[in-house]
């Protein structure tokens, strides 16, 4: 289970890159840099929320301990 979640971090990095690319080529051209970054941050938080919710639906975590462990591993990978 933990290995699946560790491997599931890779698509999160891809999502973050795609989010930044979207910002650069769309609304980043018509907004100030600060506002574009703020909007991009909110967008990425929502994308990550949906992704993690999907992961938890597919592979429910059996304990809080495992959830904390996976969160710490994701933090280190980031």
Protein backbone atom coordinates (compact mmCIF):
# COMPACT_ATOMS: atom_id res chain seq x y z
CA UNK A 1 0.00 0.00 0.00
CA UNK A 2 2.69 2.50 0.97
CA UNK A 3 4.67 1.77 -2.21
CA UNK A 4 1.59 2.55 -4.33
CA UNK A 5 1.22 5.91 -2.64
CA UNK A 6 4.91 6.68 -3.02
CA UNK A 7 4.66 5.96 -6.74
CA UNK A 8 1.47 8.05 -6.86
CA UNK A 9 3.61 11.09 -6.03
CA UNK A 10 5.05 11.15 -9.57
CA UNK A 11 1.76 12.17 -11.23
CA UNK A 12 1.48 14.96 -8.66
CA UNK A 13 4.76 16.41 -9.94
CA UNK A 14 3.43 16.16 -13.49
CA UNK A 15 0.19 17.91 -12.46
CA UNK A 16 2.21 20.71 -10.87
CA UNK A 17 4.26 21.19 -14.05
CA UNK A 18 1.13 21.21 -16.20
CA UNK A 19 -0.46 23.75 -13.85
CA UNK A 20 2.57 26.04 -14.18
CA UNK A 21 2.56 25.62 -17.96
CA UNK A 22 -1.12 26.52 -18.08
CA UNK A 23 -0.40 29.66 -16.05
CA UNK A 24 2.47 30.73 -18.29
CA UNK A 25 0.60 30.36 -21.56
CA UNK A 26 -2.86 31.57 -20.56
CA UNK A 27 -3.86 33.77 -17.66
CA UNK A 28 -0.27 34.60 -16.73
CA UNK A 29 -0.12 36.84 -19.78
CA UNK A 30 -3.09 38.96 -18.76
CA UNK A 31 -2.60 39.16 -14.97
CA UNK A 32 0.13 40.51 -12.78
CA UNK A 33 2.76 37.98 -11.79
CA UNK A 34 1.59 37.99 -8.18
CA UNK A 35 -2.06 37.38 -9.05
CA UNK A 36 -1.16 34.69 -11.59
CA UNK A 37 0.90 32.86 -8.95
CA UNK A 38 -1.90 33.17 -6.41
CA UNK A 39 -4.48 31.80 -8.83
CA UNK A 40 -2.09 29.03 -9.85
CA UNK A 41 -1.60 28.07 -6.20
CA UNK A 42 -5.34 27.84 -5.56
CA UNK A 43 -5.80 25.84 -8.76
CA UNK A 44 -3.05 23.39 -7.81
CA UNK A 45 -4.47 22.93 -4.31
CA UNK A 46 -7.85 22.03 -5.83
CA UNK A 47 -6.23 19.66 -8.34
CA UNK A 48 -4.22 17.96 -5.59
CA UNK A 49 -7.32 17.68 -3.41
CA UNK A 50 -9.21 15.91 -6.20
CA UNK A 51 -6.24 13.66 -6.99
CA UNK A 52 -5.68 12.62 -3.37
CA UNK A 53 -9.43 12.08 -2.90
CA UNK A 54 -9.38 9.78 -5.94
CA UNK A 55 -6.36 7.91 -4.61
CA UNK A 56 -8.03 7.43 -1.25
CA UNK A 57 -11.16 6.16 -2.99
CA UNK A 58 -9.12 3.60 -4.92
CA UNK A 59 -6.74 2.64 -2.13
CA UNK A 60 -8.18 3.57 1.29
CA UNK A 61 -5.58 4.08 3.98
CA UNK A 62 -6.12 1.74 6.93
CA UNK A 63 -4.67 4.00 9.61
CA UNK A 64 -3.70 7.52 10.53
CA UNK A 65 -0.12 6.31 11.01
CA UNK A 66 0.11 5.25 7.36
CA UNK A 67 -1.42 8.54 6.24
CA UNK A 68 1.17 10.52 8.20
CA UNK A 69 3.99 8.31 6.89
CA UNK A 70 2.89 8.82 3.29
CA UNK A 71 2.52 12.57 3.87
CA UNK A 72 6.05 12.76 5.24
CA UNK A 73 7.44 10.75 2.33
CA UNK A 74 5.64 13.03 -0.14
CA UNK A 75 7.07 16.04 1.68
CA UNK A 76 10.60 14.62 1.39
CA UNK A 77 10.10 13.79 -2.28
CA UNK A 78 8.91 17.31 -2.95
